[in-house]
Amino acid sequence: MLVAGGAIAGESLGGGTALLLLHGWALDRKAWAPQRILGDRFRLIIADRRGFGRSSAPPDVAAETEDLLAICDMLGIERAILVGMSQGGRVALQFALAYPDRVSGMILQGAPLGDFLPARRGEDHVPIDDYRDLIRGGRIAEMKRQWGDHALMRGVDSERLLAGYDGRDLLAPAGPAAPLAGALGGIGAPTLVVTGLSETPWLDLVGDALAYGLPDARRARVPGGHLCNWSHPDPYNALVARFAAETAA
């Protein structure tokens, strides 16, 4: 799928209500492997976000809003449910703010808010500068090892999930994160805010804030940690399917 600066690699499977699955940082569409079974009931659009996996479009989180619009237009999707995992949740929120008429609902899994206070600390801290230095020094295997040991990767096969990560996003110029915390009241789409029962403290707190700040949101927790969709797919998939069916109805 052609977008600004390159192409987005992805696939569409199943039929019915469209779910756009947006993976988290350092991952690619393999992160949604346990959710492919939902293609029996819904239309799944699973893509490598720009800067990740097999997508050639250069890294730029701000540009992903237009990527999603281009994908929807190309596939003839008027409205979709956005399922945003971690950093993918930020992309979902950006899109819902920019194109509310194209969003029928959102599921936010462990989504961050860059301008949320108090800021990250402790096990929630992600040492991005250290990871960037490792990649600049040609030590990507060490970077993957350290990230795989991080609290946000608990309970999953990190070696498999990070196999396709090449670090190009950390070597690209990083633009400022769009302020989202103060804009939540302008997003009217029905939203399910999900975290694992073992999610890190800051992201669990952000989940509560999202459920409070979004006008039409509900809160849910399932077994597992940050990547609960991978570690505990059955309860996660049941939650997604129920929300999608209710939203479509």
C-alpha atoms as a PDB file:
ATOM      1  CA  MET A   1       0.000   0.000   0.000  1.00  0.00           C
ATOM      2  CA  LEU A   2       1.617   3.264  -1.137  1.00  0.00           C
ATOM      3  CA  VAL A   3       1.822   6.121   1.352  1.00  0.00           C
ATOM      4  CA  ALA A   4       3.951   9.249   1.671  1.00  0.00           C
ATOM      5  CA  GLY A   5       7.598   8.340   1.251  1.00  0.00           C
ATOM      6  CA  GLY A   6       7.193   4.648   0.544  1.00  0.00           C
ATOM      7  CA  ALA A   7       4.908   1.708   1.167  1.00  0.00           C
ATOM      8  CA  ILE A   8       3.136   0.006   4.046  1.00  0.00           C
ATOM      9  CA  ALA A   9       3.301  -3.790   4.095  1.00  0.00           C
ATOM     10  CA  GLY A  10       0.182  -5.477   5.353  1.00  0.00           C
ATOM     11  CA  GLU A  11      -2.724  -7.766   4.735  1.00  0.00           C
ATOM     12  CA  SER A  12      -6.503  -7.882   4.942  1.00  0.00           C
ATOM     13  CA  LEU A  13      -8.322 -11.027   5.959  1.00  0.00           C
ATOM     14  CA  GLY A  14     -11.863 -11.991   6.827  1.00  0.00           C
ATOM     15  CA  GLY A  15     -14.968  -9.936   6.304  1.00  0.00           C
ATOM     16  CA  GLY A  16     -17.515  -7.831   8.130  1.00  0.00           C
ATOM     17  CA  THR A  17     -16.746  -5.093  10.628  1.00  0.00           C
ATOM     18  CA  ALA A  18     -13.242  -3.731   9.959  1.00  0.00           C
ATOM     19  CA  LEU A  19     -10.613  -3.839  12.709  1.00  0.00           C
ATOM     20  CA  LEU A  20      -7.323  -2.002  12.068  1.00  0.00           C
ATOM     21  CA  LEU A  21      -4.636  -3.562  14.260  1.00  0.00           C
ATOM     22  CA  LEU A  22      -1.764  -1.202  15.172  1.00  0.00           C
ATOM     23  CA  HIS A  23       1.246  -2.850  16.809  1.00  0.00           C
ATOM     24  CA  GLY A  24       3.535  -1.322  19.400  1.00  0.00           C
ATOM     25  CA  TRP A  25       7.084   0.017  19.307  1.00  0.00           C
ATOM     26  CA  ALA A  26       9.912  -2.254  18.054  1.00  0.00           C
ATOM     27  CA  LEU A  27       7.349  -4.814  16.892  1.00  0.00           C
ATOM     28  CA  ASP A  28       5.664  -5.601  13.593  1.00  0.00           C
ATOM     29  CA  ARG A  29       2.482  -7.329  12.517  1.00  0.00           C
ATOM     30  CA  LYS A  30       3.658 -10.652  13.980  1.00  0.00           C
ATOM     31  CA  ALA A  31       2.607  -9.206  17.330  1.00  0.00           C
ATOM     32  CA  TRP A  32      -1.018  -9.808  16.283  1.00  0.00           C
ATOM     33  CA  ALA A  33      -0.556 -13.486  15.380  1.00  0.00           C
ATOM     34  CA  PRO A  34      -2.798 -14.662  18.259  1.00  0.00           C
ATOM     35  CA  GLN A  35      -5.588 -12.377  17.000  1.00  0.00           C
ATOM     36  CA  ARG A  36      -5.698 -13.736  13.446  1.00  0.00           C
ATOM     37  CA  ILE A  37      -8.416 -16.149  14.552  1.00  0.00           C
ATOM     38  CA  LEU A  38     -10.723 -13.113  14.812  1.00  0.00           C
ATOM     39  CA  GLY A  39     -10.667 -13.046  11.001  1.00  0.00           C
ATOM     40  CA  ASP A  40     -13.376 -15.715  11.183  1.00  0.00           C
ATOM     41  CA  ARG A  41     -15.757 -13.030  12.478  1.00  0.00           C
ATOM     42  CA  PHE A  42     -14.338  -9.661  11.427  1.00  0.00           C
ATOM     43  CA  ARG A  43     -12.281  -8.037   8.684  1.00  0.00           C
ATOM     44  CA  LEU A  44      -8.759  -7.618  10.024  1.00  0.00           C
ATOM     45  CA  ILE A  45      -6.306  -5.155   8.525  1.00  0.00           C
ATOM     46  CA  ILE A  46      -2.881  -5.994   9.926  1.00  0.00           C
ATOM     47  CA  ALA A  47       0.060  -3.892   8.796  1.00  0.00           C
ATOM     48  CA  ASP A  48       3.657  -3.112   9.650  1.00  0.00           C
ATOM     49  CA  ARG A  49       3.591   0.521  10.756  1.00  0.00           C
ATOM     50  CA  ARG A  50       5.986   2.855   8.933  1.00  0.00           C
ATOM     51  CA  GLY A  51       9.535   2.342  10.139  1.00  0.00           C
ATOM     52  CA  PHE A  52       8.900  -1.248  11.196  1.00  0.00           C
ATOM     53  CA  GLY A  53       8.799  -4.703   9.681  1.00  0.00           C
ATOM     54  CA  ARG A  54       8.643  -4.828   5.907  1.00  0.00           C
ATOM     55  CA  SER A  55       7.209  -1.332   5.444  1.00  0.00           C
ATOM     56  CA  SER A  56       9.532   0.948   3.491  1.00  0.00           C
ATOM     57  CA  ALA A  57       7.904   4.259   4.495  1.00  0.00           C
ATOM     58  CA  PRO A  58      10.339   6.157   6.753  1.00  0.00           C
ATOM     59  CA  PRO A  59       9.696   6.293  10.515  1.00  0.00           C
ATOM     60  CA  ASP A  60       7.388   9.142  11.550  1.00  0.00           C
ATOM     61  CA  VAL A  61       4.625   8.610  14.094  1.00  0.00           C
ATOM     62  CA  ALA A  62       2.999  11.929  13.113  1.00  0.00           C
ATOM     63  CA  ALA A  63       2.639  10.722   9.492  1.00  0.00           C
ATOM     64  CA  GLU A  64       0.757   7.602  10.511  1.00  0.00           C
ATOM     65  CA  THR A  65      -2.546   9.445  10.687  1.00  0.00           C
ATOM     66  CA  GLU A  66      -2.454   9.924   6.934  1.00  0.00           C
ATOM     67  CA  ASP A  67      -1.196   6.365   6.482  1.00  0.00           C
ATOM     68  CA  LEU A  68      -4.347   5.027   8.127  1.00  0.00           C
ATOM     69  CA  LEU A  69      -6.526   7.266   5.999  1.00  0.00           C
ATOM     70  CA  ALA A  70      -4.775   6.061   2.843  1.00  0.00           C
ATOM     71  CA  ILE A  71      -5.179   2.424   3.888  1.00  0.00           C
ATOM     72  CA  CYS A  72      -8.891   2.869   4.613  1.00  0.00           C
ATOM     73  CA  ASP A  73      -9.478   4.653   1.324  1.00  0.00           C
ATOM     74  CA  MET A  74      -7.506   2.062  -0.630  1.00  0.00           C
ATOM     75  CA  LEU A  75      -9.457  -0.811   0.913  1.00  0.00           C
ATOM     76  CA  GLY A  76     -12.831   0.930   0.675  1.00  0.00           C
ATOM     77  CA  ILE A  77     -13.327   1.092   4.443  1.00  0.00           C
ATOM     78  CA  GLU A  78     -15.587   3.947   5.465  1.00  0.00           C
ATOM     79  CA  ARG A  79     -15.357   3.333   9.215  1.00  0.00           C
ATOM     80  CA  ALA A  80     -13.238   1.024  11.309  1.00  0.00           C
ATOM     81  CA  ILE A  81     -12.522   0.000  14.860  1.00  0.00           C
ATOM     82  CA  LEU A  82      -8.912   0.869  15.700  1.00  0.00           C
ATOM     83  CA  VAL A  83      -7.076  -1.578  17.949  1.00  0.00           C
ATOM     84  CA  GLY A  84      -3.973   0.213  19.187  1.00  0.00           C
ATOM     85  CA  MET A  85      -1.319  -1.663  21.134  1.00  0.00           C
ATOM     86  CA  SER A  86       1.082   0.497  23.185  1.00  0.00           C
ATOM     87  CA  GLN A  87       2.559   3.103  20.786  1.00  0.00           C
ATOM     88  CA  GLY A  88      -0.095   2.003  18.288  1.00  0.00           C
ATOM     89  CA  GLY A  89      -2.660   3.352  20.754  1.00  0.00           C
ATOM     90  CA  ARG A  90      -1.120   6.799  20.353  1.00  0.00           C
ATOM     91  CA  VAL A  91      -1.567   6.450  16.590  1.00  0.00           C
ATOM     92  CA  ALA A  92      -5.200   5.427  17.089  1.00  0.00           C
ATOM     93  CA  LEU A  93      -5.877   8.490  19.250  1.00  0.00           C
ATOM     94  CA  GLN A  94      -4.237  10.789  16.689  1.00  0.00           C
ATOM     95  CA  PHE A  95      -6.414   9.355  13.925  1.00  0.00           C
ATOM     96  CA  ALA A  96      -9.602   9.583  15.985  1.00  0.00           C
ATOM     97  CA  LEU A  97      -8.914  13.261  16.615  1.00  0.00           C
ATOM     98  CA  ALA A  98      -8.179  14.025  12.971  1.00  0.00           C
ATOM     99  CA  TYR A  99     -10.847  11.878  11.303  1.00  0.00           C
ATOM    100  CA  PRO A 100     -13.635  11.153  13.804  1.00  0.00           C
ATOM    101  CA  ASP A 101     -16.110  10.200  11.069  1.00  0.00           C
ATOM    102  CA  ARG A 102     -13.861   7.301  10.013  1.00  0.00           C
ATOM    103  CA  VAL A 103     -13.708   5.722  13.482  1.00  0.00           C
ATOM    104  CA  SER A 104     -16.549   3.571  14.783  1.00  0.00           C
ATOM    105  CA  GLY A 105     -14.678   2.575  17.936  1.00  0.00           C
ATOM    106  CA  MET A 106     -11.284   2.102  19.567  1.00  0.00           C
ATOM    107  CA  ILE A 107      -9.570  -0.498  21.700  1.00  0.00           C
ATOM    108  CA  LEU A 108      -6.506   0.908  23.457  1.00  0.00           C
ATOM    109  CA  GLN A 109      -4.141  -1.694  24.914  1.00  0.00           C
ATOM    110  CA  GLY A 110      -1.466  -0.333  27.236  1.00  0.00           C
ATOM    111  CA  ALA A 111      -1.522   2.977  25.380  1.00  0.00           C
ATOM    112  CA  PRO A 112       0.792   5.744  26.657  1.00  0.00           C
ATOM    113  CA  LEU A 113       0.182   9.465  26.919  1.00  0.00           C
ATOM    114  CA  GLY A 114       3.448  11.333  26.444  1.00  0.00           C
ATOM    115  CA  ASP A 115       2.200  14.476  28.194  1.00  0.00           C
ATOM    116  CA  PHE A 116       0.578  12.660  31.120  1.00  0.00           C
ATOM    117  CA  LEU A 117       1.779  13.538  34.606  1.00  0.00           C
ATOM    118  CA  PRO A 118       3.255  12.156  36.763  1.00  0.00           C
ATOM    119  CA  ALA A 119       5.874  11.003  34.282  1.00  0.00           C
ATOM    120  CA  ARG A 120       7.237   7.481  33.909  1.00  0.00           C
ATOM    121  CA  ARG A 121       9.669   6.201  36.504  1.00  0.00           C
ATOM    122  CA  GLY A 122      10.962   2.927  37.863  1.00  0.00           C
ATOM    123  CA  GLU A 123      10.128  -0.096  35.745  1.00  0.00           C
ATOM    124  CA  ASP A 124       8.036   2.078  33.422  1.00  0.00           C
ATOM    125  CA  HIS A 125      11.099   4.041  32.280  1.00  0.00           C
ATOM    126  CA  VAL A 126      12.276   3.134  28.777  1.00  0.00           C
ATOM    127  CA  PRO A 127      15.964   4.083  28.250  1.00  0.00           C
ATOM    128  CA  ILE A 128      15.528   5.089  24.615  1.00  0.00           C
ATOM    129  CA  ASP A 129      18.794   7.067  24.503  1.00  0.00           C
ATOM    130  CA  ASP A 130      20.728   4.015  25.681  1.00  0.00           C
ATOM    131  CA  TYR A 131      19.054   1.868  23.032  1.00  0.00           C
ATOM    132  CA  ARG A 132      19.826   4.474  20.365  1.00  0.00           C
ATOM    133  CA  ASP A 133      23.486   4.518  21.353  1.00  0.00           C
ATOM    134  CA  LEU A 134      23.651   0.727  21.104  1.00  0.00           C
ATOM    135  CA  ILE A 135      22.174   0.791  17.606  1.00  0.00           C
ATOM    136  CA  ARG A 136      24.516   3.574  16.492  1.00  0.00           C
ATOM    137  CA  GLY A 137      27.367   1.430  17.716  1.00  0.00           C
ATOM    138  CA  GLY A 138      26.188  -1.559  15.676  1.00  0.00           C
ATOM    139  CA  ARG A 139      25.102  -3.461  18.773  1.00  0.00           C
ATOM    140  CA  ILE A 140      21.487  -4.141  17.873  1.00  0.00           C
ATOM    141  CA  ALA A 141      21.605  -7.674  19.304  1.00  0.00           C
ATOM    142  CA  GLU A 142      22.488  -6.186  22.696  1.00  0.00           C
ATOM    143  CA  MET A 143      19.750  -3.572  22.333  1.00  0.00           C
ATOM    144  CA  LYS A 144      17.197  -6.324  21.626  1.00  0.00           C
ATOM    145  CA  ARG A 145      18.444  -8.330  24.598  1.00  0.00           C
ATOM    146  CA  GLN A 146      18.044  -5.366  26.951  1.00  0.00           C
ATOM    147  CA  TRP A 147      14.598  -4.460  25.571  1.00  0.00           C
ATOM    148  CA  GLY A 148      13.544  -8.099  25.755  1.00  0.00           C
ATOM    149  CA  ASP A 149      14.398  -8.050  29.468  1.00  0.00           C
ATOM    150  CA  HIS A 150      12.349  -4.901  30.099  1.00  0.00           C
ATOM    151  CA  ALA A 151       9.211  -5.084  32.235  1.00  0.00           C
ATOM    152  CA  LEU A 152       7.060  -4.186  29.225  1.00  0.00           C
ATOM    153  CA  MET A 153       8.142  -7.410  27.485  1.00  0.00           C
ATOM    154  CA  ARG A 154       7.352  -9.708  30.406  1.00  0.00           C
ATOM    155  CA  GLY A 155       5.629 -12.986  29.682  1.00  0.00           C
ATOM    156  CA  VAL A 156       6.229 -13.108  25.910  1.00  0.00           C
ATOM    157  CA  ASP A 157       8.681 -14.640  23.468  1.00  0.00           C
ATOM    158  CA  SER A 158      10.690 -11.437  23.053  1.00  0.00           C
ATOM    159  CA  GLU A 159      13.288 -13.033  20.766  1.00  0.00           C
ATOM    160  CA  ARG A 160      10.580 -13.983  18.279  1.00  0.00           C
ATOM    161  CA  LEU A 161       8.689 -10.704  18.551  1.00  0.00           C
ATOM    162  CA  LEU A 162      11.812  -8.565  18.104  1.00  0.00           C
ATOM    163  CA  ALA A 163      13.361 -10.670  15.334  1.00  0.00           C
ATOM    164  CA  GLY A 164      12.402  -8.208  12.595  1.00  0.00           C
ATOM    165  CA  TYR A 165      13.349  -5.012  14.424  1.00  0.00           C
ATOM    166  CA  ASP A 166      16.246  -3.133  12.811  1.00  0.00           C
ATOM    167  CA  GLY A 167      16.352   0.073  14.860  1.00  0.00           C
ATOM    168  CA  ARG A 168      15.834   2.460  11.945  1.00  0.00           C
ATOM    169  CA  ASP A 169      13.233   4.464  13.853  1.00  0.00           C
ATOM    170  CA  LEU A 170      15.770   5.330  16.563  1.00  0.00           C
ATOM    171  CA  LEU A 171      18.223   6.586  13.939  1.00  0.00           C
ATOM    172  CA  ALA A 172      15.631   8.858  12.307  1.00  0.00           C
ATOM    173  CA  PRO A 173      14.963  12.427  13.506  1.00  0.00           C
ATOM    174  CA  ALA A 174      12.289  12.326  16.180  1.00  0.00           C
ATOM    175  CA  GLY A 175       9.577  14.976  16.047  1.00  0.00           C
ATOM    176  CA  PRO A 176       7.744  16.211  19.139  1.00  0.00           C
ATOM    177  CA  ALA A 177       4.948  13.999  20.398  1.00  0.00           C
ATOM    178  CA  ALA A 178       1.487  15.407  19.786  1.00  0.00           C
ATOM    179  CA  PRO A 179      -0.138  16.488  23.086  1.00  0.00           C
ATOM    180  CA  LEU A 180      -3.069  14.145  23.604  1.00  0.00           C
ATOM    181  CA  ALA A 181      -3.984  14.214  27.298  1.00  0.00           C
ATOM    182  CA  GLY A 182      -5.771  17.540  27.019  1.00  0.00           C
ATOM    183  CA  ALA A 183      -7.586  16.555  23.827  1.00  0.00           C
ATOM    184  CA  LEU A 184      -9.303  13.397  25.048  1.00  0.00           C
ATOM    185  CA  GLY A 185     -12.627  15.151  25.541  1.00  0.00           C
ATOM    186  CA  GLY A 186     -12.835  15.736  21.801  1.00  0.00           C
ATOM    187  CA  ILE A 187     -12.840  12.024  20.943  1.00  0.00           C
ATOM    188  CA  GLY A 188     -16.373  10.686  20.923  1.00  0.00           C
ATOM    189  CA  ALA A 189     -15.799   7.162  19.605  1.00  0.00           C
ATOM    190  CA  PRO A 190     -16.798   4.317  21.929  1.00  0.00           C
ATOM    191  CA  THR A 191     -13.562   3.085  23.452  1.00  0.00           C
ATOM    192  CA  LEU A 192     -12.408   0.072  25.418  1.00  0.00           C
ATOM    193  CA  VAL A 193      -9.287   0.726  27.483  1.00  0.00           C
ATOM    194  CA  VAL A 194      -7.454  -2.515  28.217  1.00  0.00           C
ATOM    195  CA  THR A 195      -4.445  -3.324  30.345  1.00  0.00           C
ATOM    196  CA  GLY A 196      -3.065  -6.565  31.682  1.00  0.00           C
ATOM    197  CA  LEU A 197      -3.485  -7.307  35.345  1.00  0.00           C
ATOM    198  CA  SER A 198       0.321  -7.235  35.581  1.00  0.00           C
ATOM    199  CA  GLU A 199       0.749  -4.022  33.564  1.00  0.00           C
ATOM    200  CA  THR A 200       3.402  -1.605  34.782  1.00  0.00           C
ATOM    201  CA  PRO A 201       2.161   1.007  37.293  1.00  0.00           C
ATOM    202  CA  TRP A 202       2.370   4.100  35.073  1.00  0.00           C
ATOM    203  CA  LEU A 203       0.616   2.514  32.117  1.00  0.00           C
ATOM    204  CA  ASP A 204      -2.088   1.138  34.395  1.00  0.00           C
ATOM    205  CA  LEU A 205      -2.570   4.660  35.762  1.00  0.00           C
ATOM    206  CA  VAL A 206      -2.701   6.046  32.212  1.00  0.00           C
ATOM    207  CA  GLY A 207      -5.335   3.436  31.389  1.00  0.00           C
ATOM    208  CA  ASP A 208      -7.505   4.778  34.200  1.00  0.00           C
ATOM    209  CA  ALA A 209      -6.944   8.329  32.951  1.00  0.00           C
ATOM    210  CA  LEU A 210      -7.917   7.389  29.394  1.00  0.00           C
ATOM    211  CA  ALA A 211     -11.093   5.698  30.587  1.00  0.00           C
ATOM    212  CA  TYR A 212     -11.928   8.788  32.650  1.00  0.00           C
ATOM    213  CA  GLY A 213     -10.993  11.386  30.034  1.00  0.00           C
ATOM    214  CA  LEU A 214     -12.580   9.857  26.951  1.00  0.00           C
ATOM    215  CA  PRO A 215     -16.311  10.680  26.904  1.00  0.00           C
ATOM    216  CA  ASP A 216     -17.502   7.196  25.903  1.00  0.00           C
ATOM    217  CA  ALA A 217     -15.001   4.762  27.381  1.00  0.00           C
ATOM    218  CA  ARG A 218     -15.032   1.693  29.536  1.00  0.00           C
ATOM    219  CA  ARG A 219     -12.167   0.052  31.428  1.00  0.00           C
ATOM    220  CA  ALA A 220     -11.126  -3.595  31.357  1.00  0.00           C
ATOM    221  CA  ARG A 221      -8.259  -5.702  32.621  1.00  0.00           C
ATOM    222  CA  VAL A 222      -7.255  -9.152  31.467  1.00  0.00           C
ATOM    223  CA  PRO A 223      -4.571 -11.584  32.654  1.00  0.00           C
ATOM    224  CA  GLY A 224      -1.037 -10.813  31.562  1.00  0.00           C
ATOM    225  CA  GLY A 225       1.247  -7.827  31.302  1.00  0.00           C
ATOM    226  CA  HIS A 226       1.813  -5.135  28.695  1.00  0.00           C
ATOM    227  CA  LEU A 227       1.477  -7.539  25.763  1.00  0.00           C
ATOM    228  CA  CYS A 228      -1.522  -9.364  27.183  1.00  0.00           C
ATOM    229  CA  ASN A 229      -2.840  -9.987  23.668  1.00  0.00           C
ATOM    230  CA  TRP A 230       0.134 -12.327  23.148  1.00  0.00           C
ATOM    231  CA  SER A 231       0.531 -13.927  26.574  1.00  0.00           C
ATOM    232  CA  HIS A 232      -3.205 -14.487  27.223  1.00  0.00           C
ATOM    233  CA  PRO A 233      -4.940 -14.419  23.840  1.00  0.00           C
ATOM    234  CA  ASP A 234      -8.164 -16.208  24.773  1.00  0.00           C
ATOM    235  CA  PRO A 235      -9.553 -13.655  27.271  1.00  0.00           C
ATOM    236  CA  TYR A 236      -8.148 -10.816  25.175  1.00  0.00           C
ATOM    237  CA  ASN A 237      -9.764 -12.054  21.974  1.00  0.00           C
ATOM    238  CA  ALA A 238     -13.081 -12.599  23.741  1.00  0.00           C
ATOM    239  CA  LEU A 239     -12.992  -9.011  24.987  1.00  0.00           C
ATOM    240  CA  VAL A 240     -12.174  -7.629  21.532  1.00  0.00           C
ATOM    241  CA  ALA A 241     -14.854  -9.710  19.826  1.00  0.00           C
ATOM    242  CA  ARG A 242     -17.527  -8.678  22.304  1.00  0.00           C
ATOM    243  CA  PHE A 243     -16.675  -4.982  22.023  1.00  0.00           C
ATOM    244  CA  ALA A 244     -16.523  -5.123  18.225  1.00  0.00           C
ATOM    245  CA  ALA A 245     -19.858  -6.916  17.983  1.00  0.00           C
ATOM    246  CA  GLU A 246     -21.531  -4.459  20.362  1.00  0.00           C
ATOM    247  CA  THR A 247     -20.052  -1.468  18.540  1.00  0.00           C
ATOM    248  CA  ALA A 248     -21.143  -2.778  15.148  1.00  0.00           C
ATOM    249  CA  ALA A 249     -24.656  -3.360  16.451  1.00  0.00           C
END
